[in-house]
Amino acid sequence: MSQSVLLLGSGFVAKPTVDILATRPNTTVIVACRTLSKAQNIAGDSPSTKAIVLDVEDEKALDAAVAEHDLVISLIPYTYHAAVVKSGIRNKKNVLTTSYTSPALKELEEECKQAGILVFNEMGLDPGIDHLYAVKTIDEVHKKGGKIIGFYSVCGGLPAPECSDNPLGYKFSWSSRGVLLALQSSAKFWRNGKVVEISGNVLLKTAEPYFIYPGYSFVVYANRNSTIYKEIYKIPEAKNLSRGNLRYQGFTEFAHVLVDLGLFREQKFDFLDEAIPWKEAFAQIIGAPSSTESDLIATIEKNATFKDDEDKTRILNGIKWLGLMSDEPITPKGNPLDTFCATLENLMQYEDGERDFVMLQHKFEIEWADGSKETRTSTLADYGDPKGYSSMAKLVGTPCAVAAARILDGCYSGRTGLLAPFSIDITEPIRKILDEEYHIKLVEKKVF
């Protein structure tokens, strides 16, 4: 029996998903996005793939495309997932995403059930692979009568250390806008049995050093709302529970100064509609009396806080490296955030031959029935291949493909509504396939 998959999106993570599914017998993969050339690049030259033009905001066109396929994989921005799922409901087609299960999707669950469709979410890296190994260890401990009294999960998509050669130690493999906005998100987590809340304007100030291996200097800051994972992972006994973002040392101090200076604001300014020199735009953004270097530095020192003089020198040099005090014209976008993003994306892209790096680690604090305690870790350190997939593409796209294949194979027949990899019956088969067939696994160790 022939099967057909509609994959929406042309981002870098889509390529492994398409390549894997195209090797399945009697399976056709149609890659759809607004730009045909981008879809063709992802589809490649396999006889099992095809590229088409599709605008998901065109409901009629979306319905026509969805109706022709057995499964829809949505790798477009999460804000469009609800529209895709609604089309799936109308056409009674299953949907798969790598994104968090949003409130908008939860509102559609009853309609999904009535239509008899499955919407499988959170099947990438984070979320995705992280769930597989969290559920595995928690299940093992609970079956042996133990308790998870502490759970810490950290993840970072970074340039490989030798490629982290700019003042932020970071490079963009996707939209810089999303990265920067996330730096101002509020966060909640459990610490010593109490919920701790951090507002977005001070999030980066709370970053702390995080030790995984001696060869890396990481810092971690809280990742949105971790408190929900007590229920998701069924560990009500946990006194400490947090999820965090990893960056290299020095990133958060620099980024917080950029926040202090107002570069992440979305407020409209007329002067950012013209290609004026960056030093003039920067002076108006930060409220400097002129665009001379001395006035710009004096205003920076007035508006921002620094850890010490050495760090101030490092960050000021970094601001100069970004060109904010130069005659280089801005790419006008109307507001500070998008204008700054255009500069970052030009300066901080991966160059040919460079590789990315993903670090993911869970830390479990365990208490056994006899009162003894134990700490375990599950760790993934993975580098991209400059001649093949980036690490991020591989680690998002491969789990997505595995989940898609299992949907097509009828492994979830009878299930309807929303699904995510939160239980051992869902996670373990996928985890084993990723390990045995694709050599994607976390290294599990007992620390003490």
Protein backbone atom coordinates (compact mmCIF):
# COMPACT_ATOMS: atom_id res chain seq x y z
CA MET A 1 0.00 0.00 0.00
CA SER A 2 1.42 3.38 -1.01
CA GLN A 3 1.47 6.22 1.54
CA SER A 4 2.01 9.94 1.17
CA VAL A 5 3.38 12.52 3.62
CA LEU A 6 2.93 16.29 3.35
CA LEU A 7 5.81 18.10 5.05
CA LEU A 8 5.25 21.79 5.67
CA GLY A 9 8.39 23.91 5.99
CA SER A 10 11.79 24.33 4.44
CA GLY A 11 13.96 24.97 7.51
CA PHE A 12 17.25 23.18 8.00
CA VAL A 13 15.74 20.59 10.38
CA ALA A 14 13.41 19.31 7.66
CA LYS A 15 16.13 17.72 5.52
CA PRO A 16 16.85 14.63 7.69
CA THR A 17 13.12 13.99 8.09
CA VAL A 18 12.59 14.03 4.33
CA ASP A 19 15.68 11.94 3.59
CA ILE A 20 14.73 9.22 6.07
CA LEU A 21 11.08 8.98 5.05
CA ALA A 22 12.03 8.94 1.34
CA THR A 23 13.85 5.63 1.91
CA ARG A 24 10.64 3.92 3.06
CA PRO A 25 9.13 1.56 0.49
CA ASN A 26 6.00 2.91 -1.20
CA THR A 27 6.23 6.26 0.59
CA THR A 28 6.11 9.65 -1.12
CA VAL A 29 7.11 12.88 0.65
CA ILE A 30 5.77 16.19 -0.62
CA VAL A 31 7.70 19.22 0.68
CA ALA A 32 5.63 22.40 0.69
CA CYS A 33 6.49 26.00 1.44
CA ARG A 34 5.91 29.46 0.00
CA THR A 35 9.11 29.42 -2.07
CA LEU A 36 9.50 26.61 -4.59
CA SER A 37 13.30 26.76 -4.69
CA LYS A 38 13.51 26.29 -0.92
CA ALA A 39 11.13 23.33 -1.05
CA GLN A 40 13.17 21.83 -3.91
CA ASN A 41 16.35 22.17 -1.89
CA ILE A 42 14.83 20.15 0.95
CA ALA A 43 13.15 17.61 -1.31
CA GLY A 44 16.38 16.83 -3.16
CA ASP A 45 16.45 14.55 -6.17
CA SER A 46 14.93 11.38 -4.73
CA PRO A 47 12.23 9.81 -6.90
CA SER A 48 10.15 9.56 -3.71
CA THR A 49 10.05 13.31 -3.08
CA LYS A 50 8.40 16.30 -4.70
CA ALA A 51 8.35 20.03 -3.99
CA ILE A 52 5.29 22.27 -4.23
CA VAL A 53 4.35 25.85 -3.42
CA LEU A 54 1.86 26.29 -0.59
CA ASP A 55 0.85 29.19 1.63
CA VAL A 56 -0.62 27.78 4.85
CA GLU A 57 -2.51 31.04 5.37
CA ASP A 58 -4.56 30.15 2.28
CA GLU A 59 -7.11 27.88 3.97
CA LYS A 60 -8.55 26.55 0.71
CA ALA A 61 -5.14 25.66 -0.70
CA LEU A 62 -4.04 24.12 2.61
CA ASP A 63 -7.16 21.93 2.76
CA ALA A 64 -6.64 20.78 -0.81
CA ALA A 65 -3.05 19.75 -0.05
CA VAL A 66 -3.80 18.09 3.30
CA ALA A 67 -6.66 16.07 1.81
CA GLU A 68 -4.29 14.29 -0.59
CA HIS A 69 -1.97 12.81 2.05
CA ASP A 70 -1.94 10.27 4.88
CA LEU A 71 0.09 12.34 7.33
CA VAL A 72 0.96 16.03 7.72
CA ILE A 73 4.26 17.01 9.34
CA SER A 74 4.27 20.66 10.39
CA LEU A 75 7.79 22.09 10.71
CA ILE A 76 6.70 25.69 10.24
CA PRO A 77 6.61 28.19 13.15
CA TYR A 78 4.40 26.95 15.99
CA THR A 79 2.02 29.87 15.59
CA TYR A 80 0.72 28.19 12.42
CA HIS A 81 0.21 24.73 13.92
CA ALA A 82 -3.37 25.38 14.98
CA ALA A 83 -4.34 26.25 11.39
CA VAL A 84 -2.68 23.05 10.18
CA VAL A 85 -4.44 20.95 12.83
CA LYS A 86 -7.80 22.52 11.94
CA SER A 87 -7.19 21.46 8.36
CA GLY A 88 -6.30 17.99 9.63
CA ILE A 89 -9.60 17.91 11.51
CA ARG A 90 -11.58 18.95 8.45
CA ASN A 91 -9.85 16.35 6.28
CA LYS A 92 -9.45 13.65 8.97
CA LYS A 93 -5.64 13.50 8.65
CA ASN A 94 -3.07 12.89 11.40
CA VAL A 95 -0.58 15.66 12.21
CA LEU A 96 2.97 15.54 13.64
CA THR A 97 5.03 18.46 15.03
CA THR A 98 8.31 18.91 16.88
CA SER A 99 6.92 21.82 18.93
CA TYR A 100 5.53 22.07 22.44
CA THR A 101 1.84 21.33 22.81
CA SER A 102 0.48 24.86 22.81
CA PRO A 103 -2.71 26.10 24.52
CA ALA A 104 -4.15 26.67 21.02
CA LEU A 105 -3.74 22.96 20.23
CA LYS A 106 -5.16 21.90 23.58
CA GLU A 107 -8.32 23.82 22.74
CA LEU A 108 -8.68 21.65 19.63
CA GLU A 109 -8.27 18.28 21.33
CA GLU A 110 -11.95 17.43 21.54
CA GLU A 111 -12.40 18.26 17.86
CA CYS A 112 -9.41 16.04 17.05
CA LYS A 113 -11.03 13.15 18.92
CA GLN A 114 -14.35 13.68 17.18
CA ALA A 115 -12.56 13.66 13.82
CA GLY A 116 -10.69 10.50 14.82
CA ILE A 117 -7.24 12.01 14.23
CA LEU A 118 -3.98 11.93 16.16
CA VAL A 119 -1.88 15.05 16.71
CA PHE A 120 1.57 13.97 17.91
CA ASN A 121 3.67 16.86 19.31
CA GLU A 122 7.07 17.38 20.95
CA MET A 123 8.99 14.91 18.78
CA GLY A 124 12.30 16.68 18.14
CA LEU A 125 15.29 17.31 20.39
CA ASP A 126 14.06 19.62 23.15
CA PRO A 127 11.24 18.82 23.31
CA GLY A 128 11.61 15.24 22.15
CA ILE A 129 14.80 13.32 22.88
CA ASP A 130 14.87 14.96 26.31
CA HIS A 131 11.53 13.33 27.15
CA LEU A 132 12.70 9.88 26.06
CA TYR A 133 15.50 9.69 28.60
CA ALA A 134 13.69 11.54 31.39
CA VAL A 135 10.81 9.08 31.21
CA LYS A 136 13.21 6.11 31.00
CA THR A 137 15.09 6.86 34.22
CA ILE A 138 12.03 8.02 36.14
CA ASP A 139 10.21 4.82 35.19
CA GLU A 140 13.18 2.67 36.24
CA VAL A 141 13.49 4.40 39.62
CA HIS A 142 9.78 4.25 40.40
CA LYS A 143 9.57 0.55 39.51
CA LYS A 144 12.35 -0.13 42.04
CA GLY A 145 10.56 1.80 44.78
CA GLY A 146 12.68 4.93 44.58
CA LYS A 147 11.78 8.61 44.43
CA ILE A 148 13.02 11.40 42.18
CA ILE A 149 13.63 14.18 44.67
CA GLY A 150 15.50 16.39 42.20
CA PHE A 151 15.39 16.68 38.41
CA TYR A 152 17.47 19.14 36.40
CA SER A 153 17.51 19.29 32.61
CA VAL A 154 19.72 21.60 30.53
CA CYS A 155 20.13 21.92 26.78
CA GLY A 156 21.96 24.21 24.41
CA GLY A 157 22.39 24.46 20.65
CA LEU A 158 25.74 26.19 20.23
CA PRO A 159 28.62 26.63 17.82
CA ALA A 160 31.37 24.07 18.38
CA PRO A 161 33.96 25.58 20.75
CA GLU A 162 36.45 26.28 17.94
CA CYS A 163 33.69 28.09 16.01
CA SER A 164 32.48 30.24 18.93
CA ASP A 165 34.73 33.04 17.71
CA ASN A 166 32.67 36.16 18.36
CA PRO A 167 31.97 38.23 21.50
CA LEU A 168 28.72 36.42 22.28
CA GLY A 169 30.12 32.92 21.67
CA TYR A 170 26.97 32.16 19.72
CA LYS A 171 25.82 31.75 16.10
CA PHE A 172 22.39 31.64 14.53
CA SER A 173 21.16 28.61 12.67
CA TRP A 174 17.57 29.89 12.77
CA SER A 175 15.78 33.20 13.28
CA SER A 176 17.71 35.43 15.67
CA ARG A 177 14.44 37.14 16.61
CA GLY A 178 13.14 34.06 18.40
CA VAL A 179 16.43 33.61 20.22
CA LEU A 180 16.52 37.20 21.46
CA LEU A 181 12.89 37.33 22.55
CA ALA A 182 13.38 34.13 24.55
CA LEU A 183 16.09 35.92 26.54
CA GLN A 184 13.37 38.07 28.09
CA SER A 185 10.86 35.33 28.94
CA SER A 186 9.79 34.85 32.54
CA ALA A 187 10.58 31.53 34.21
CA LYS A 188 9.24 29.30 37.01
CA PHE A 189 10.81 26.27 38.69
CA TRP A 190 10.84 24.29 41.91
CA ARG A 191 13.61 24.83 44.46
CA ASN A 192 13.58 23.30 47.95
CA GLY A 193 9.89 22.52 47.66
CA LYS A 194 8.85 26.04 46.68
CA VAL A 195 8.05 27.64 43.33
CA VAL A 196 10.56 30.31 42.30
CA GLU A 197 9.47 32.87 39.71
CA ILE A 198 11.85 35.05 37.70
CA SER A 199 10.67 37.97 35.60
CA GLY A 200 12.01 38.30 32.09
CA ASN A 201 13.81 41.58 32.71
CA VAL A 202 16.20 39.95 35.19
CA LEU A 203 16.35 36.43 33.74
CA LEU A 204 19.90 36.73 32.41
CA LYS A 205 21.16 38.13 35.73
CA THR A 206 20.23 34.82 37.38
CA ALA A 207 22.49 32.75 35.11
CA GLU A 208 24.86 30.46 36.97
CA PRO A 209 27.91 28.38 36.00
CA TYR A 210 26.94 24.80 35.15
CA PHE A 211 29.44 21.95 35.22
CA ILE A 212 29.05 19.02 32.85
CA TYR A 213 32.56 18.24 31.55
CA PRO A 214 35.79 20.04 32.50
CA GLY A 215 36.43 20.93 28.87
CA TYR A 216 33.41 23.25 28.62
CA SER A 217 32.61 26.52 30.39
CA PHE A 218 28.82 26.69 30.47
CA VAL A 219 26.31 28.94 32.17
CA VAL A 220 22.62 28.11 32.54
CA TYR A 221 19.52 30.24 32.90
CA ALA A 222 15.98 29.03 33.53
CA ASN A 223 13.83 27.95 30.59
CA ARG A 224 10.26 29.22 30.92
CA ASN A 225 7.83 27.23 33.13
CA SER A 226 9.40 24.06 34.56
CA THR A 227 6.80 23.56 37.27
CA ILE A 228 4.44 21.67 34.93
CA TYR A 229 6.89 18.78 34.65
CA LYS A 230 6.01 17.46 38.08
CA GLU A 231 2.71 16.38 36.58
CA ILE A 232 3.99 15.57 33.08
CA TYR A 233 6.74 13.27 34.37
CA LYS A 234 4.65 12.02 37.32
CA ILE A 235 7.19 13.03 39.97
CA PRO A 236 5.12 14.84 42.62
CA GLU A 237 7.80 13.92 45.14
CA ALA A 238 10.40 16.22 43.52
CA LYS A 239 11.57 19.07 45.74
CA ASN A 240 13.81 20.54 43.05
CA LEU A 241 12.87 20.63 39.38
CA SER A 242 14.21 22.94 36.71
CA ARG A 243 14.92 23.09 33.00
CA GLY A 244 17.54 25.47 31.66
CA ASN A 245 19.24 26.86 28.58
CA LEU A 246 22.98 26.41 28.18
CA ARG A 247 25.30 29.07 26.78
CA TYR A 248 29.04 29.57 26.88
CA GLN A 249 30.56 31.64 29.67
CA GLY A 250 30.25 35.38 29.00
CA PHE A 251 27.10 35.21 26.88
CA THR A 252 24.56 36.21 29.52
CA GLU A 253 26.48 39.26 30.81
CA PHE A 254 26.86 40.61 27.27
CA ALA A 255 23.26 39.83 26.33
CA HIS A 256 21.94 41.51 29.47
CA VAL A 257 23.80 44.73 28.60
CA LEU A 258 22.13 44.65 25.17
CA VAL A 259 18.77 44.31 26.94
CA ASP A 260 19.63 47.23 29.26
CA LEU A 261 20.45 49.37 26.23
CA GLY A 262 17.06 48.75 24.65
CA LEU A 263 18.22 46.86 21.58
CA PHE A 264 15.58 44.14 22.06
CA ARG A 265 12.64 46.57 22.08
CA GLU A 266 9.88 46.16 19.48
CA GLN A 267 8.79 49.81 19.76
CA LYS A 268 8.42 51.61 16.41
CA PHE A 269 10.88 54.45 15.66
CA ASP A 270 10.75 56.47 12.46
CA PHE A 271 14.52 56.91 12.37
CA LEU A 272 14.85 53.13 11.96
CA ASP A 273 13.01 53.31 8.63
CA GLU A 274 16.07 54.70 6.86
CA ALA A 275 19.55 53.27 6.26
CA ILE A 276 21.36 55.69 8.57
CA PRO A 277 24.80 54.87 10.07
CA TRP A 278 24.65 52.48 13.01
CA LYS A 279 26.34 54.98 15.33
CA GLU A 280 23.51 57.48 14.72
CA ALA A 281 20.80 54.87 15.20
CA PHE A 282 22.52 53.52 18.32
CA ALA A 283 22.81 57.01 19.80
CA GLN A 284 19.07 57.57 19.45
CA ILE A 285 18.18 54.09 20.75
CA ILE A 286 20.21 54.53 23.95
CA GLY A 287 19.59 58.28 24.38
CA ALA A 288 23.17 59.48 23.87
CA PRO A 289 23.72 63.23 23.35
CA SER A 290 25.68 62.55 20.15
CA SER A 291 27.06 59.69 18.06
CA THR A 292 30.69 60.26 19.05
CA GLU A 293 32.37 57.21 20.54
CA SER A 294 32.97 58.99 23.85
CA ASP A 295 29.30 59.95 24.23
CA LEU A 296 28.15 56.48 23.23
CA ILE A 297 30.45 54.81 25.77
CA ALA A 298 29.46 57.26 28.53
CA THR A 299 25.77 56.54 27.89
CA ILE A 300 26.37 52.79 27.84
CA GLU A 301 28.17 53.02 31.21
CA LYS A 302 25.25 55.04 32.59
CA ASN A 303 22.48 52.71 31.39
CA ALA A 304 24.04 49.26 31.78
CA THR A 305 25.53 47.27 34.64
CA PHE A 306 28.76 45.30 34.46
CA LYS A 307 30.21 42.57 36.63
CA ASP A 308 33.61 44.29 36.87
CA ASP A 309 35.95 46.55 34.86
CA GLU A 310 37.43 43.63 32.95
CA ASP A 311 33.99 42.50 31.86
CA LYS A 312 33.06 46.06 30.94
CA THR A 313 36.07 46.30 28.64
CA ARG A 314 35.19 42.95 27.04
CA ILE A 315 31.59 43.96 26.42
CA LEU A 316 32.44 47.44 25.09
CA ASN A 317 34.87 45.83 22.65
CA GLY A 318 32.10 43.44 21.69
CA ILE A 319 29.70 46.30 21.00
CA LYS A 320 32.33 47.84 18.73
CA TRP A 321 32.76 44.47 16.97
CA LEU A 322 29.01 44.43 16.30
CA GLY A 323 29.44 47.72 14.48
CA LEU A 324 27.07 49.69 16.70
CA MET A 325 29.54 52.60 16.90
CA SER A 326 30.46 52.51 13.22
CA ASP A 327 29.47 54.31 10.02
CA GLU A 328 28.08 51.03 8.66
CA PRO A 329 24.46 51.63 7.58
CA ILE A 330 21.70 49.79 9.38
CA THR A 331 19.29 47.45 7.65
CA PRO A 332 16.16 49.46 8.50
CA LYS A 333 13.37 47.39 10.03
CA GLY A 334 11.42 50.06 11.92
CA ASN A 335 12.22 48.94 15.47
CA PRO A 336 15.41 48.22 17.46
CA LEU A 337 14.88 44.45 17.74
CA ASP A 338 14.45 43.66 14.05
CA THR A 339 17.06 46.17 12.95
CA PHE A 340 19.56 44.63 15.38
CA CYS A 341 18.58 41.10 14.31
CA ALA A 342 19.43 41.94 10.70
CA THR A 343 22.95 42.88 11.80
CA LEU A 344 23.37 39.82 14.02
CA GLU A 345 22.26 37.44 11.28
CA ASN A 346 24.80 38.98 8.93
CA LEU A 347 27.69 38.83 11.41
CA MET A 348 26.95 35.63 13.29
CA GLN A 349 26.04 32.97 10.75
CA TYR A 350 27.87 29.65 10.42
CA GLU A 351 30.61 29.84 7.79
CA ASP A 352 31.45 27.07 5.34
CA GLY A 353 33.26 24.26 7.12
CA GLU A 354 32.04 25.25 10.60
CA ARG A 355 30.06 22.90 12.79
CA ASP A 356 27.48 23.27 15.49
CA PHE A 357 27.26 21.51 18.83
CA VAL A 358 24.41 20.29 21.02
CA MET A 359 24.72 19.55 24.72
CA LEU A 360 21.82 17.98 26.59
CA GLN A 361 21.96 16.64 30.12
CA HIS A 362 19.48 15.37 32.70
CA LYS A 363 20.52 15.10 36.34
CA PHE A 364 18.41 12.92 38.64
CA GLU A 365 18.62 13.05 42.44
CA ILE A 366 17.23 9.76 43.70
CA GLU A 367 16.14 8.62 47.16
CA TRP A 368 15.68 4.88 47.68
CA ALA A 369 13.29 3.18 50.09
CA ASP A 370 16.10 2.52 52.60
CA GLY A 371 16.94 6.23 52.75
CA SER A 372 20.09 6.01 50.65
CA LYS A 373 20.64 8.58 47.92
CA GLU A 374 22.08 8.47 44.42
CA THR A 375 22.72 10.89 41.56
CA ARG A 376 22.51 9.85 37.92
CA THR A 377 23.10 11.76 34.71
CA SER A 378 22.04 11.21 31.11
CA THR A 379 24.22 13.21 28.71
CA LEU A 380 24.36 13.90 24.98
CA ALA A 381 27.27 15.83 23.44
CA ASP A 382 26.89 15.89 19.66
CA TYR A 383 28.72 17.74 16.89
CA GLY A 384 27.40 18.59 13.45
CA ASP A 385 29.01 17.41 10.24
CA PRO A 386 30.13 20.34 8.02
CA LYS A 387 29.68 18.07 5.00
CA GLY A 388 26.32 16.71 6.12
CA TYR A 389 23.64 17.53 8.67
CA SER A 390 24.11 20.03 11.45
CA SER A 391 23.74 18.50 14.89
CA MET A 392 20.52 20.44 15.48
CA ALA A 393 19.03 19.30 12.17
CA LYS A 394 19.91 15.66 12.87
CA LEU A 395 18.64 15.69 16.45
CA VAL A 396 15.32 17.36 15.57
CA GLY A 397 14.69 15.83 12.16
CA THR A 398 15.55 12.21 12.96
CA PRO A 399 13.17 11.72 15.92
CA CYS A 400 10.49 13.43 13.85
CA ALA A 401 11.03 10.94 11.02
CA VAL A 402 10.95 7.97 13.40
CA ALA A 403 7.67 9.16 14.93
CA ALA A 404 6.24 9.73 11.44
CA ALA A 405 7.16 6.20 10.37
CA ARG A 406 5.47 4.75 13.43
CA ILE A 407 2.30 6.72 12.72
CA LEU A 408 2.31 5.46 9.13
CA ASP A 409 2.90 1.90 10.36
CA GLY A 410 -0.24 2.07 12.50
CA CYS A 411 1.58 1.89 15.85
CA TYR A 412 -0.89 4.37 17.35
CA SER A 413 -4.05 3.15 15.69
CA GLY A 414 -7.01 3.65 17.99
CA ARG A 415 -5.42 6.69 19.65
CA THR A 416 -7.02 10.06 18.94
CA GLY A 417 -6.55 13.58 20.23
CA LEU A 418 -3.23 14.99 21.39
CA LEU A 419 -0.20 12.82 22.06
CA ALA A 420 3.29 13.60 23.38
CA PRO A 421 6.17 11.34 24.46
CA PHE A 422 5.43 11.37 28.19
CA SER A 423 4.86 7.66 28.93
CA ILE A 424 7.14 4.65 28.64
CA ASP A 425 4.92 2.87 26.09
CA ILE A 426 5.36 5.82 23.72
CA THR A 427 8.97 6.75 24.48
CA GLU A 428 10.76 3.41 24.69
CA PRO A 429 10.18 2.12 21.13
CA ILE A 430 11.30 5.47 19.69
CA ARG A 431 14.30 5.67 22.02
CA LYS A 432 15.46 2.18 20.99
CA ILE A 433 15.14 2.94 17.27
CA LEU A 434 17.14 6.17 17.64
CA ASP A 435 19.85 4.29 19.54
CA GLU A 436 20.07 1.13 17.44
CA GLU A 437 19.44 2.49 13.94
CA TYR A 438 20.68 6.09 14.11
CA HIS A 439 23.22 5.95 16.98
CA ILE A 440 21.50 8.82 18.79
CA LYS A 441 21.60 8.20 22.53
CA LEU A 442 22.33 9.77 25.87
CA VAL A 443 25.15 8.32 27.97
CA GLU A 444 23.74 7.25 31.32
CA LYS A 445 25.98 7.26 34.40
CA LYS A 446 25.75 6.91 38.15
CA VAL A 447 27.70 9.88 39.48
CA PHE A 448 27.58 8.98 43.19
